[in-house]
Protein backbone atom coordinates (compact mmCIF):
# COMPACT_ATOMS: atom_id res chain seq x y z
CA MET A 1 58.00 -67.46 -18.07
CA GLY A 2 55.17 -65.09 -18.89
CA LYS A 3 51.59 -65.77 -18.12
CA ARG A 4 49.57 -67.66 -20.64
CA PHE A 5 46.76 -65.90 -22.45
CA TRP A 6 43.98 -67.65 -20.56
CA THR A 7 45.57 -66.88 -17.18
CA ASN A 8 45.88 -63.12 -17.75
CA ASP A 9 42.71 -61.44 -16.51
CA TRP A 10 43.13 -58.25 -18.56
CA LEU A 11 43.59 -60.18 -21.77
CA LEU A 12 40.57 -62.30 -20.90
CA GLN A 13 38.49 -59.17 -20.35
CA LEU A 14 39.67 -57.79 -23.69
CA ALA A 15 38.90 -61.08 -25.44
CA VAL A 16 35.39 -61.22 -23.98
CA ALA A 17 34.66 -57.61 -24.96
CA GLY A 18 36.03 -58.04 -28.48
CA GLY A 19 34.32 -61.38 -29.03
CA TYR A 20 30.95 -60.13 -27.85
CA ALA A 21 31.26 -56.97 -29.98
CA LEU A 22 32.05 -59.01 -33.08
CA LEU A 23 29.18 -61.40 -32.33
CA TYR A 24 26.81 -58.46 -31.85
CA LEU A 25 27.82 -56.93 -35.18
CA ALA A 26 27.59 -60.32 -36.93
CA ILE A 27 24.01 -61.04 -35.85
CA HIS A 28 22.73 -57.48 -36.14
CA PRO A 29 21.87 -57.74 -39.87
CA PHE A 30 19.67 -60.78 -39.11
CA SER A 31 17.86 -59.12 -36.19
CA THR A 32 14.68 -57.23 -36.88
CA ALA A 33 12.22 -55.36 -34.69
CA HIS A 34 9.83 -58.31 -34.60
CA TRP A 35 12.56 -60.91 -34.08
CA PRO A 36 15.67 -59.44 -32.38
CA ILE A 37 17.79 -62.55 -31.91
CA HIS A 38 20.53 -60.44 -30.32
CA ALA A 39 18.19 -60.22 -27.29
CA GLY A 40 18.50 -63.99 -26.88
CA VAL A 41 22.28 -63.89 -27.28
CA ARG A 42 22.45 -61.09 -24.71
CA MET A 43 20.44 -62.99 -22.09
CA ALA A 44 22.32 -66.24 -22.72
CA CYS A 45 25.63 -64.46 -22.12
CA LEU A 46 24.36 -62.84 -18.92
CA LEU A 47 23.07 -66.16 -17.60
CA LEU A 48 26.22 -68.16 -18.29
CA ILE A 49 29.15 -65.74 -18.09
CA PRO A 50 30.52 -64.96 -14.58
CA TYR A 51 29.95 -61.55 -13.03
CA ARG A 52 33.58 -60.49 -13.36
CA PHE A 53 33.23 -60.43 -17.17
CA TRP A 54 30.07 -58.34 -17.19
CA PRO A 55 31.95 -55.04 -17.57
CA ALA A 56 33.58 -56.52 -20.68
CA LEU A 57 30.15 -57.44 -22.04
CA LEU A 58 28.94 -53.91 -21.35
CA ILE A 59 31.86 -52.41 -23.25
CA GLY A 60 31.49 -54.97 -26.03
CA GLU A 61 27.89 -53.89 -26.65
CA ALA A 62 28.40 -50.18 -25.98
CA LEU A 63 30.87 -49.70 -28.85
CA PRO A 64 28.72 -51.13 -31.70
CA ASN A 65 25.64 -49.56 -30.11
CA GLU A 66 27.20 -46.10 -30.26
CA TYR A 67 28.29 -46.78 -33.82
CA GLN A 68 24.64 -47.37 -34.75
CA VAL A 69 23.10 -44.60 -32.60
CA ILE A 70 25.27 -41.57 -33.39
CA PRO A 71 24.28 -41.36 -37.11
CA CYS A 72 20.63 -40.94 -36.03
CA LEU A 73 21.29 -37.70 -34.14
CA ALA A 74 19.95 -35.49 -36.89
CA SER A 75 16.87 -37.58 -37.71
CA LEU A 76 15.69 -38.66 -34.24
CA GLY A 77 17.05 -35.93 -32.03
CA PRO A 78 19.48 -35.70 -29.08
CA ALA A 79 16.98 -37.02 -26.53
CA TRP A 80 16.60 -40.27 -28.42
CA VAL A 81 20.37 -40.52 -28.84
CA ALA A 82 20.88 -39.88 -25.12
CA VAL A 83 18.51 -42.68 -24.14
CA ARG A 84 19.78 -45.10 -26.77
CA SER A 85 23.38 -44.39 -25.89
CA VAL A 86 22.82 -46.55 -22.82
CA PRO A 87 23.45 -50.11 -24.07
CA PRO A 88 20.37 -52.35 -23.77
CA ILE A 89 22.51 -54.87 -21.95
CA ALA A 90 22.76 -52.45 -19.01
CA VAL A 91 19.01 -52.76 -18.40
CA ALA A 92 19.14 -56.54 -18.83
CA MET A 93 22.08 -56.78 -16.41
CA LEU A 94 20.06 -55.36 -13.51
CA ILE A 95 17.19 -57.77 -14.11
CA VAL A 96 19.36 -60.86 -14.64
CA TRP A 97 21.46 -60.00 -11.58
CA ALA A 98 18.30 -59.76 -9.45
CA CYS A 99 17.04 -63.07 -10.82
CA ARG A 100 20.36 -64.85 -10.31
CA THR A 101 20.47 -63.51 -6.75
CA TRP A 102 16.94 -64.10 -5.47
CA MET A 103 15.52 -66.64 -7.93
CA PRO A 104 18.45 -68.39 -9.61
CA PRO A 105 17.61 -70.16 -12.89
CA PHE A 106 20.42 -72.64 -12.11
CA PRO A 107 19.98 -74.21 -8.64
CA SER A 108 23.10 -76.27 -9.44
CA LYS A 109 25.45 -76.85 -12.34
CA LYS A 110 23.30 -79.59 -13.86
CA LEU A 111 19.80 -78.32 -13.04
CA ILE A 112 17.56 -75.66 -14.56
CA ASP A 113 14.62 -74.04 -12.78
CA ILE A 114 12.17 -73.61 -15.65
CA LYS A 115 9.91 -71.32 -13.64
CA ALA A 116 12.78 -68.99 -12.76
CA LEU A 117 13.98 -69.04 -16.38
CA LEU A 118 10.53 -68.06 -17.68
CA VAL A 119 10.21 -65.27 -15.12
CA CYS A 120 13.68 -63.98 -15.96
CA GLY A 121 12.93 -63.96 -19.69
CA LEU A 122 9.61 -62.20 -19.06
CA LEU A 123 11.23 -59.50 -16.89
CA VAL A 124 14.07 -58.93 -19.37
CA SER A 125 11.52 -58.52 -22.16
CA LEU A 126 9.50 -56.07 -20.06
CA GLY A 127 12.67 -54.13 -19.29
CA GLY A 128 13.52 -53.99 -22.99
CA MET A 129 9.97 -52.81 -23.74
CA VAL A 130 10.27 -49.93 -21.25
CA TYR A 131 13.71 -49.03 -22.59
CA SER A 132 12.65 -48.98 -26.26
CA SER A 133 9.33 -47.27 -25.55
CA THR A 134 11.07 -44.52 -23.62
CA ALA A 135 13.51 -43.93 -26.47
CA LEU A 136 10.69 -43.81 -29.00
CA ALA A 137 8.62 -41.48 -26.83
CA VAL A 138 11.38 -38.82 -26.67
CA ALA A 139 12.24 -39.02 -30.38
CA THR A 140 11.73 -35.69 -32.23
CA ALA A 141 11.21 -37.04 -35.77
CA PRO A 142 7.93 -35.72 -37.20
CA THR A 143 7.10 -39.03 -38.89
CA ILE A 144 7.49 -41.08 -35.71
CA SER A 145 5.06 -41.15 -32.81
CA PHE A 146 4.65 -43.54 -29.93
CA VAL A 147 1.53 -45.74 -29.93
CA PRO A 148 0.60 -48.63 -27.60
CA MET A 149 1.17 -51.15 -30.40
CA ASN A 150 4.84 -50.17 -30.37
CA ALA A 151 5.11 -51.33 -26.76
CA VAL A 152 3.55 -54.67 -27.73
CA GLU A 153 6.09 -55.03 -30.51
CA TYR A 154 8.97 -54.13 -28.19
CA PHE A 155 7.85 -56.83 -25.75
CA LEU A 156 6.96 -59.67 -28.11
CA GLY A 157 10.05 -59.32 -30.30
CA PRO A 158 12.67 -59.67 -27.53
CA TYR A 159 10.61 -62.35 -25.79
CA LEU A 160 10.54 -64.51 -28.91
CA GLY A 161 14.20 -63.71 -29.57
CA ILE A 162 15.13 -64.88 -26.07
CA PHE A 163 13.35 -68.20 -26.46
CA SER A 164 14.90 -68.67 -29.90
CA ILE A 165 18.45 -68.72 -28.54
CA VAL A 166 18.49 -69.40 -24.79
CA PRO A 167 17.02 -72.96 -24.84
CA TRP A 168 19.63 -74.24 -27.29
CA VAL A 169 22.44 -72.63 -25.32
CA LEU A 170 21.17 -74.16 -22.07
CA MET A 171 20.98 -77.64 -23.56
CA VAL A 172 24.56 -77.31 -24.79
CA LYS A 173 25.61 -76.14 -21.31
CA LEU A 174 23.98 -79.10 -19.61
CA ASP A 175 25.27 -81.76 -22.00
CA TYR A 176 28.76 -80.48 -22.76
CA LYS A 177 31.65 -82.34 -21.16
CA PRO A 178 35.23 -81.39 -22.02
CA GLY A 179 36.98 -84.07 -24.04
CA HIS A 180 33.80 -85.96 -24.98
CA LEU A 181 32.50 -83.80 -27.83
CA HIS A 182 32.34 -86.53 -30.49
CA GLU A 183 30.64 -88.96 -28.11
CA GLN A 184 28.07 -86.34 -27.10
CA ILE A 185 27.32 -85.44 -30.72
CA ARG A 186 26.87 -89.11 -31.58
CA ARG A 187 24.59 -89.61 -28.60
CA ALA A 188 22.52 -86.54 -29.49
CA LEU A 189 22.14 -87.66 -33.11
CA SER A 190 21.03 -91.13 -32.02
CA SER A 191 18.60 -89.92 -29.37
CA ARG A 192 14.89 -90.50 -29.70
CA LEU A 193 14.20 -86.77 -29.48
CA PHE A 194 16.41 -86.04 -32.49
CA LEU A 195 14.79 -88.80 -34.53
CA ASP A 196 11.27 -87.60 -33.69
CA THR A 197 12.26 -84.03 -34.51
CA VAL A 198 13.69 -84.98 -37.90
CA ALA A 199 10.95 -87.45 -38.78
CA LEU A 200 7.90 -85.57 -37.51
CA LEU A 201 8.44 -81.99 -36.38
CA ILE A 202 10.55 -80.56 -39.21
CA PRO A 203 8.44 -82.08 -42.04
CA ALA A 204 5.26 -80.89 -40.31
CA LEU A 205 6.62 -77.35 -39.89
CA VAL A 206 7.84 -77.21 -43.50
CA LEU A 207 4.50 -78.50 -44.80
CA LEU A 208 2.47 -76.06 -42.72
CA GLU A 209 4.74 -73.17 -43.70
CA TRP A 210 4.27 -74.03 -47.37
CA VAL A 211 0.49 -74.31 -46.89
CA SER A 212 0.39 -70.91 -45.19
CA TYR A 213 2.38 -69.44 -48.06
CA VAL A 214 0.23 -70.78 -50.93
CA GLY A 215 -3.14 -70.91 -49.16
CA ASN A 216 -5.86 -68.34 -48.79
CA ASP A 217 -6.34 -66.00 -45.83
CA GLN A 218 -8.25 -68.56 -43.79
CA VAL A 219 -5.55 -71.21 -44.31
CA LYS A 220 -2.87 -68.69 -43.39
CA GLN A 221 -4.58 -68.15 -40.05
CA ILE A 222 -4.99 -71.85 -39.31
CA ALA A 223 -1.51 -73.03 -40.36
CA PRO A 224 0.46 -71.25 -37.58
CA VAL A 225 -1.90 -72.65 -34.97
CA ALA A 226 -1.55 -76.16 -36.43
CA MET A 227 2.23 -75.93 -35.93
CA PHE A 228 1.64 -76.25 -32.21
CA LEU A 229 0.22 -79.78 -32.49
CA PRO A 230 3.53 -81.58 -33.25
CA MET A 231 5.24 -79.34 -30.70
CA ALA A 232 2.75 -80.38 -28.02
CA TRP A 233 3.09 -84.06 -28.96
CA LEU A 234 6.87 -83.93 -28.65
CA THR A 235 6.63 -82.06 -25.35
CA LEU A 236 4.25 -84.64 -23.89
CA LYS A 237 6.63 -87.39 -24.95
CA HIS A 238 10.05 -85.94 -24.14
CA GLY A 239 9.49 -83.10 -21.67
CA TRP A 240 11.12 -79.69 -21.62
CA ARG A 241 13.89 -80.55 -24.09
CA ALA A 242 11.28 -81.11 -26.78
CA ALA A 243 9.86 -77.65 -26.08
CA ALA A 244 13.39 -76.24 -26.18
CA VAL A 245 13.98 -77.82 -29.60
CA SER A 246 10.59 -77.22 -31.20
CA GLY A 247 9.98 -73.73 -29.83
CA PRO A 248 12.86 -71.98 -31.64
CA LEU A 249 12.03 -73.84 -34.86
CA ALA A 250 8.41 -72.70 -34.75
CA ILE A 251 9.46 -69.15 -33.90
CA ALA A 252 11.83 -69.10 -36.87
CA CYS A 253 9.19 -70.51 -39.24
CA ILE A 254 6.70 -67.81 -38.27
CA SER A 255 9.12 -64.88 -37.89
CA LEU A 256 11.32 -65.28 -40.95
CA PRO A 257 8.58 -64.62 -43.57
CA ILE A 258 7.61 -61.33 -41.86
CA ALA A 259 9.04 -58.37 -43.77
CA PRO A 260 11.56 -56.30 -41.72
CA ILE A 261 9.52 -53.06 -41.73
CA ASN A 262 8.39 -50.83 -38.94
CA ASP A 263 4.65 -51.08 -39.59
CA ILE A 264 3.46 -54.62 -39.00
CA ASP A 265 0.00 -55.95 -39.68
CA PRO A 266 -2.09 -56.45 -36.49
CA LYS A 267 -2.62 -60.08 -37.51
CA THR A 268 1.11 -60.55 -37.16
CA TYR A 269 0.92 -59.20 -33.60
CA ALA A 270 -1.82 -61.69 -32.84
CA THR A 271 0.24 -64.54 -34.29
CA GLN A 272 3.31 -63.49 -32.30
CA ALA A 273 1.29 -63.17 -29.11
CA THR A 274 -0.21 -66.62 -29.62
CA LEU A 275 3.23 -68.05 -30.33
CA ALA A 276 4.67 -66.45 -27.18
CA VAL A 277 1.85 -67.84 -25.02
CA VAL A 278 2.11 -71.32 -26.53
CA VAL A 279 5.89 -71.49 -26.20
CA THR A 280 5.67 -70.35 -22.58
CA CYS A 281 2.98 -72.90 -21.78
CA LEU A 282 4.90 -75.67 -23.52
CA PHE A 283 8.01 -74.85 -21.51
CA ALA A 284 6.07 -74.95 -18.26
CA LEU A 285 4.27 -78.14 -19.30
CA GLY A 286 7.51 -79.71 -20.49
CA GLY A 287 9.19 -78.87 -17.21
CA ARG A 288 6.40 -80.51 -15.26
CA ILE A 289 6.42 -83.58 -17.48
CA SER A 290 10.20 -83.86 -17.15
CA VAL A 291 9.86 -83.74 -13.36
CA GLN A 292 7.23 -86.47 -13.48
CA LEU A 293 9.39 -88.61 -15.73
CA MET A 294 12.34 -88.15 -13.43
CA ASP A 295 10.19 -88.97 -10.41
CA GLU A 296 9.27 -92.22 -12.12
CA GLU A 297 12.94 -92.88 -12.79
CA LYS A 298 13.67 -92.10 -9.16
CA GLU A 299 11.07 -94.59 -7.98
CA LYS A 300 12.40 -97.13 -10.44
CA ARG A 301 15.95 -96.56 -9.28
CA SER A 302 14.87 -96.86 -5.66
CA ALA A 303 13.11 -100.13 -6.46
CA LEU A 304 16.20 -101.39 -8.28
CA SER A 305 18.35 -100.45 -5.30
CA VAL A 306 16.08 -102.36 -2.94
CA GLN A 307 16.03 -105.27 -5.37
CA ARG A 308 19.81 -105.26 -5.68
CA PHE A 309 20.16 -105.14 -1.90
CA ALA A 310 17.76 -108.09 -1.56
CA ARG A 311 19.79 -110.10 -4.08
CA GLN A 312 23.00 -109.32 -2.29
CA SER A 313 21.47 -110.18 1.08
CA LEU A 314 20.17 -113.46 -0.30
CA GLN A 315 23.56 -114.39 -1.70
CA LEU A 316 25.40 -113.35 1.47
CA GLY A 317 23.00 -115.42 3.56
CA GLU A 318 23.60 -118.39 1.27
CA GLN A 319 27.35 -117.98 1.61
CA ARG A 320 27.04 -117.94 5.40
CA MET A 321 24.93 -121.09 5.27
CA ARG A 322 27.55 -122.72 3.06
CA GLN A 323 30.32 -121.78 5.47
CA THR A 324 28.26 -123.03 8.41
CA SER A 325 27.55 -126.28 6.57
CA GLN A 326 31.23 -126.82 5.92
CA ALA A 327 32.02 -126.04 9.55
CA LEU A 328 29.40 -128.55 10.70
CA GLU A 329 30.84 -131.24 8.43
CA TYR A 330 34.27 -130.58 9.86
CA LEU A 331 32.78 -130.70 13.35
CA ALA A 332 31.09 -134.05 12.61
CA GLY A 333 34.39 -135.55 11.50
CA THR A 334 36.15 -134.15 14.55
CA LEU A 335 33.47 -135.56 16.86
CA HIS A 336 33.81 -139.00 15.27
CA ILE A 337 37.58 -139.03 15.78
CA THR A 338 37.32 -137.64 19.31
CA ASN A 339 34.66 -140.14 20.36
CA GLY A 340 36.68 -143.01 18.89
CA ARG A 341 39.74 -142.00 20.87
CA LEU A 342 37.65 -141.56 24.01
CA LEU A 343 36.21 -145.09 23.67
CA GLU A 344 39.73 -146.52 23.24
CA GLN A 345 40.89 -144.82 26.42
CA MET A 346 37.82 -146.07 28.31
CA ARG A 347 38.51 -149.67 27.20
CA ARG A 348 42.01 -149.42 28.61
CA ILE A 349 40.79 -148.09 31.92
CA VAL A 350 37.67 -150.31 32.20
CA PRO A 351 38.24 -153.41 30.02
CA ASN A 352 34.81 -154.90 30.67
CA ILE A 353 32.84 -151.75 29.72
CA GLU A 354 30.04 -152.13 27.21
CA SER A 355 31.21 -149.79 24.41
CA HIS A 356 28.63 -150.71 21.79
CA ALA A 357 25.98 -148.30 23.16
CA PHE A 358 28.47 -145.45 23.33
CA TYR A 359 29.61 -146.13 19.77
CA LYS A 360 26.02 -146.20 18.53
CA GLN A 361 25.30 -142.84 20.18
CA SER A 362 28.45 -141.40 18.65
CA VAL A 363 27.45 -142.51 15.17
CA ALA A 364 23.92 -141.14 15.65
CA MET A 365 25.29 -137.80 16.76
CA GLN A 366 27.64 -137.67 13.78
CA SER A 367 24.78 -138.55 11.41
CA GLN A 368 22.57 -135.80 12.85
CA VAL A 369 25.27 -133.20 12.39
CA TYR A 370 25.83 -134.36 8.80
CA ARG A 371 22.09 -134.17 8.06
CA LEU A 372 21.97 -130.67 9.52
CA ALA A 373 24.89 -129.59 7.35
CA GLU A 374 23.30 -131.23 4.32
CA SER A 375 20.00 -129.42 4.89
CA MET A 376 21.73 -126.06 5.14
CA HIS A 377 23.84 -126.44 1.99
CA PRO A 378 23.98 -129.82 0.16
CA VAL A 379 27.34 -131.25 -0.74
CA ALA A 380 26.11 -132.15 -4.23
CA TRP A 381 25.18 -128.51 -4.90
CA ARG A 382 28.44 -127.22 -3.50
CA GLU A 383 30.66 -129.63 -5.42
CA ARG A 384 28.76 -130.45 -8.64
CA GLY A 385 26.32 -127.59 -9.14
CA LEU A 386 22.57 -127.08 -9.34
CA PRO A 387 21.67 -130.10 -11.56
CA ALA A 388 23.34 -132.48 -9.10
CA ALA A 389 21.47 -130.94 -6.18
CA LEU A 390 18.13 -131.35 -7.96
CA ASN A 391 18.89 -134.92 -9.03
CA GLU A 392 20.40 -136.13 -5.76
CA THR A 393 19.48 -134.06 -2.71
CA ILE A 394 15.81 -133.51 -3.48
CA ALA A 395 15.48 -137.03 -4.87
CA ARG A 396 16.89 -138.60 -1.69
CA ALA A 397 14.67 -136.53 0.61
CA LEU A 398 11.51 -137.39 -1.37
CA ASP A 399 12.46 -141.05 -1.61
CA GLU A 400 12.82 -141.26 2.18
CA ALA A 401 9.32 -139.78 2.44
CA GLY A 402 7.91 -142.42 0.06
CA ILE A 403 7.34 -140.02 -2.86
CA ALA A 404 8.36 -140.85 -6.41
CA TYR A 405 10.46 -138.22 -8.13
CA ARG A 406 11.50 -137.44 -11.69
CA CYS A 407 13.79 -134.59 -12.73
CA GLU A 408 14.22 -133.30 -16.28
CA ILE A 409 16.87 -130.69 -17.09
CA SER A 410 17.28 -129.12 -20.52
CA GLY A 411 18.55 -125.95 -22.11
CA ARG A 412 21.88 -124.20 -21.74
CA GLY A 413 23.62 -121.39 -19.94
CA PHE A 414 23.39 -122.68 -16.35
CA THR A 415 27.09 -122.16 -15.76
CA ARG A 416 26.85 -118.52 -16.88
CA LEU A 417 23.97 -117.62 -14.60
CA ALA A 418 24.73 -115.45 -11.59
CA PRO A 419 25.22 -117.37 -8.32
CA ALA A 420 22.25 -115.55 -6.77
CA VAL A 421 19.96 -116.81 -9.55
CA LEU A 422 21.15 -120.38 -9.03
CA THR A 423 20.54 -119.99 -5.31
CA ALA A 424 17.04 -118.67 -5.89
CA THR A 425 16.33 -121.52 -8.32
CA TYR A 426 17.35 -124.23 -5.85
CA ARG A 427 15.51 -122.65 -2.93
CA SER A 428 12.41 -122.18 -5.07
CA ALA A 429 12.56 -125.86 -6.09
CA CYS A 430 12.77 -126.92 -2.43
CA GLU A 431 9.92 -124.64 -1.36
CA ALA A 432 7.76 -125.77 -4.27
CA ALA A 433 8.47 -129.46 -3.55
CA VAL A 434 7.51 -129.00 0.11
CA TYR A 435 4.35 -127.09 -0.89
CA VAL A 436 3.04 -129.68 -3.36
CA THR A 437 3.87 -132.62 -1.04
CA SER A 438 1.93 -131.00 1.80
CA ARG A 439 -1.14 -132.55 0.14
CA LEU A 440 -1.58 -136.08 1.44
CA ALA A 441 -2.75 -137.26 -1.96
CA CYS A 442 0.57 -136.28 -3.58
CA ASN A 443 2.62 -139.42 -4.22
CA ARG A 444 4.77 -138.29 -7.17
CA VAL A 445 6.70 -135.11 -8.01
CA ASN A 446 7.89 -134.10 -11.46
CA LEU A 447 10.49 -131.34 -11.74
CA VAL A 448 11.43 -129.64 -15.00
CA LEU A 449 14.32 -127.16 -15.24
CA ARG A 450 15.07 -125.29 -18.45
CA GLY A 451 17.61 -122.56 -19.12
CA GLY A 452 18.02 -120.33 -22.12
CA GLU A 453 18.91 -116.96 -23.53
CA THR A 454 16.60 -114.59 -25.42
CA ARG A 455 17.94 -111.40 -27.02
CA GLY A 456 21.06 -111.52 -24.91
CA LYS A 457 19.16 -111.99 -21.64
CA ARG A 458 19.58 -115.27 -19.79
CA TRP A 459 16.69 -116.87 -17.93
CA VAL A 460 15.77 -120.09 -16.14
CA MET A 461 12.36 -121.75 -15.88
CA LEU A 462 11.42 -124.16 -13.10
CA ARG A 463 8.26 -126.25 -12.96
CA VAL A 464 7.37 -128.45 -10.00
CA GLU A 465 4.32 -130.63 -10.46
CA GLY A 466 2.72 -132.79 -7.80
CA VAL A 467 0.60 -135.74 -8.96
CA LEU A 468 -2.44 -136.18 -6.71
CA GLU A 469 -3.93 -139.68 -6.39
CA GLU A 470 -6.42 -140.72 -3.74
CA THR A 471 -4.84 -144.16 -3.60
CA GLY A 472 -1.64 -142.60 -2.28
CA VAL A 473 -3.17 -141.24 0.92
CA ALA A 474 -2.46 -144.47 2.83
CA ASN A 475 1.17 -144.37 1.77
CA ALA A 476 1.37 -140.71 2.85
CA VAL A 477 -0.02 -141.56 6.28
CA TYR A 478 2.50 -144.37 6.63
CA HIS A 479 5.38 -141.98 5.87
CA SER A 480 3.86 -139.06 7.75
CA GLU A 481 6.86 -138.62 10.05
CA GLU A 482 9.28 -138.48 7.13
CA ARG A 483 6.97 -136.04 5.33
CA LYS A 484 7.02 -133.76 8.36
CA ARG A 485 10.82 -133.75 8.27
CA LEU A 486 10.92 -133.05 4.52
CA ALA A 487 11.14 -129.28 4.96
CA THR A 488 13.97 -129.68 7.44
CA LYS A 489 15.90 -131.99 5.15
CA LEU A 490 15.61 -129.60 2.22
CA GLY A 491 16.26 -126.47 4.26
CA ALA A 492 12.88 -125.03 3.25
CA SER A 493 11.00 -122.37 5.22
CA MET A 494 7.56 -123.72 4.23
CA LEU A 495 6.57 -120.54 2.42
CA ASP A 496 3.09 -120.09 1.02
CA ILE A 497 2.37 -118.92 -2.53
CA PRO A 498 2.41 -115.12 -1.89
CA GLU A 499 5.72 -115.42 -0.03
CA MET A 500 7.25 -117.53 -2.79
CA ARG A 501 5.99 -115.01 -5.36
CA ASP A 502 7.67 -112.19 -3.45
CA HIS A 503 10.86 -114.22 -3.36
CA VAL A 504 11.03 -114.71 -7.12
CA ARG A 505 10.17 -111.05 -7.78
CA ILE A 506 13.59 -110.16 -6.43
CA PHE A 507 14.90 -111.47 -9.75
CA ASP A 508 12.16 -109.91 -11.88
CA GLY A 509 10.57 -113.34 -11.91
CA TYR A 510 7.04 -114.68 -12.08
CA LEU A 511 5.33 -117.50 -10.23
CA HIS A 512 2.15 -119.18 -11.38
CA LEU A 513 0.05 -121.75 -9.56
CA ARG A 514 -2.10 -124.05 -11.64
CA MET A 515 -4.35 -126.90 -10.55
CA PRO A 516 -5.33 -129.02 -13.56
CA SER A 517 -7.03 -132.35 -13.03
CA ASN A 518 -5.17 -134.40 -10.41
CA ARG A 519 -2.23 -131.99 -10.59
CA LEU A 520 -0.74 -129.19 -8.49
CA ARG A 521 1.71 -127.25 -10.64
CA ILE A 522 4.02 -124.37 -9.66
CA THR A 523 5.93 -122.60 -12.43
CA VAL A 524 8.73 -120.11 -11.75
CA LEU A 525 10.58 -117.89 -14.23
CA LEU A 526 13.76 -116.08 -13.14
CA HIS A 527 16.00 -113.66 -15.02
CA ASP A 528 19.73 -113.23 -14.74
CA ALA A 529 20.45 -110.67 -12.02
CA VAL A 530 23.73 -109.47 -13.52
CA GLN A 531 22.20 -108.33 -16.77
CA GLU A 532 19.21 -106.73 -15.06
CA GLU A 533 21.50 -104.64 -12.83
CA GLN A 534 23.20 -103.16 -15.90
CA ARG A 535 20.09 -101.30 -17.04
CA PRO A 536 20.80 -97.61 -17.61
CA VAL A 537 19.17 -95.32 -15.10
CA SER A 538 18.47 -91.69 -15.83
CA ARG A 539 19.75 -89.00 -13.57
CA LEU A 540 17.31 -87.55 -11.11
CA ALA A 541 15.90 -84.21 -10.08
CA PRO A 542 14.10 -83.07 -6.93
CA PRO A 543 10.32 -83.70 -7.03
CA LEU A 544 7.53 -81.13 -7.00
CA ARG A 545 9.72 -78.45 -8.57
CA LEU A 546 10.25 -77.43 -12.16
CA TRP A 547 13.93 -78.33 -11.83
CA VAL A 548 14.96 -80.27 -14.90
CA LYS A 549 18.02 -81.61 -16.64
């Protein structure tokens, strides 16, 4: 079988040369001295096309260039024809090659160095200025003479042409993914940048262009400058992509009305120079803003990673405690059976032995192991869920300490909450109960649990309120030993308010402490961890460099 078209290097070279030549001829009628858009196409091709196809690009531009230069032999002279016979792309190739070698505009496939891109565009424009000025200086036509303003024109025109084409091409390069064209177009059309451009930038540019067309001389001078205001606003909001979108539009609005003649009004030069400076500054500013935005996203992503790790660690620790609790329960049952068998054997060997004391110690040991297992992970929570643990485990521990307890549960969605959120809710309830009962005057605890869903995001609210009454101090002193063991029974770490607040922040939660009259109230709000982890995170770029995406 023969080679396919796209695997044959010679055919690829021929296709590149022919395609570039046709593109050059197609855009040539729209290119003028003050806005040569073929300069932007030329630089975009040199930046993106591999080196091995550069000879094809040179041939593709040399043929139409010779076709346009040779007819001017009689009017401009052989010296001009000799200089102009060298395709302009040859000069640009040397500059772009040097930039791609020592200061690459693309540090990687998905990054752009804005500073290197600006320097490359500036050097290519300067090279084009020297090339065109040299050709004009050696021309022998009596009606043509080289003046410094020609050099300004030869610099500003290609510079504006480069930044009319290259930014759009670079955005397409960064965003294009084979096989996802429709999805990318839909995403671009629904982006905030596109909406702001359509709703604000384009109407503002059209209005200002119309005002400059129908207004007096003073209005015509102010209108082009006013075009930079919406451009700056978009750049401050969206970064370098806004400058890449708005810059070419502003250049087109200002350059299209200029008549394609050789002699241009000096005011036009001033407008073009101002436009070139503003577009350059907006690109640099947009690059810096994009880096700052991506640094913020990087910090946010780092915080989310730490938060996700803390959630996972909390859940893994809870699972280990659950496994240990189950192992302790199994151990307590095994001890009870083993001690019973041991007592039976002792009765056979020593019939008159007093076994009641041994049996009592065995039961006490079994009860201690069960209480330890219960404090680590309650059976009610493990078998019947969070509401059962709040209604039974905490109620029993507070009742043994002589504290009245009331639990109110309302809302929905508890079964759909992530296990880590349920764990944090129970542990927060235990810590809050221990904290409010640390006051001797607290003789009653009210707990309210409410779950819900707002705009697709599930949440749970917990409120633990301790009722403080001076008449309950005597009762607290009487049950002081049981109160001391309350934290152990509930498996609480006796955290203070800042530590509890840090604990709930793992789940993007909030903790408030209020002390109304005769009350000590702790309110906790937690959000579902699963939904929070699904937030989209922007891709990142290295800090302190104008490397953007």
